[in-house]
């Protein structure tokens, strides 16, 4: 789609839901850069102190502390690891609506087959978690149809 190509946007006179893959804000390349820098530093230290018999654990303990990205949660500070990223455990999508989401829409979405979770982000946007055993497009089309049918009636 060209930068200023608005032909794919919905007609404002019809209700619609557009989908966007949810991007995990904590799963970024910065963590990979830090890990790479850490490995380079350890390799440099091994070369520098190769005459002396240091184990990798001693090098880590004495010269460089491995950085950990953390997040504050209701359960306290937790490290962000690959296992703690929601994007590695759920198929998450963001639905963008051109109609205001009401409280009854939450129930409508939850009742759709394959929906694991629903979070209302704004009056026009929601995050949808889809079960691993379901096809994303089938569930998203079902949610879209259910929402539009509820408004049209």
Foldseek 3Di string as FASTA:
>chain_A
DDPPDCVPPDDLVAKFKDKDFDDQPPPDCVLVVLVVVVVVVLVVVCVVCVVDDDDSVRCCVPPHPRDFDWDQDPVGIDTDDPVPGVVVPWRKMKIFISDFDDPVLLVLLVPQPQWDDWAADDRGMIMTTGDPVDDPVVSVVRSGVSVRVVVVD
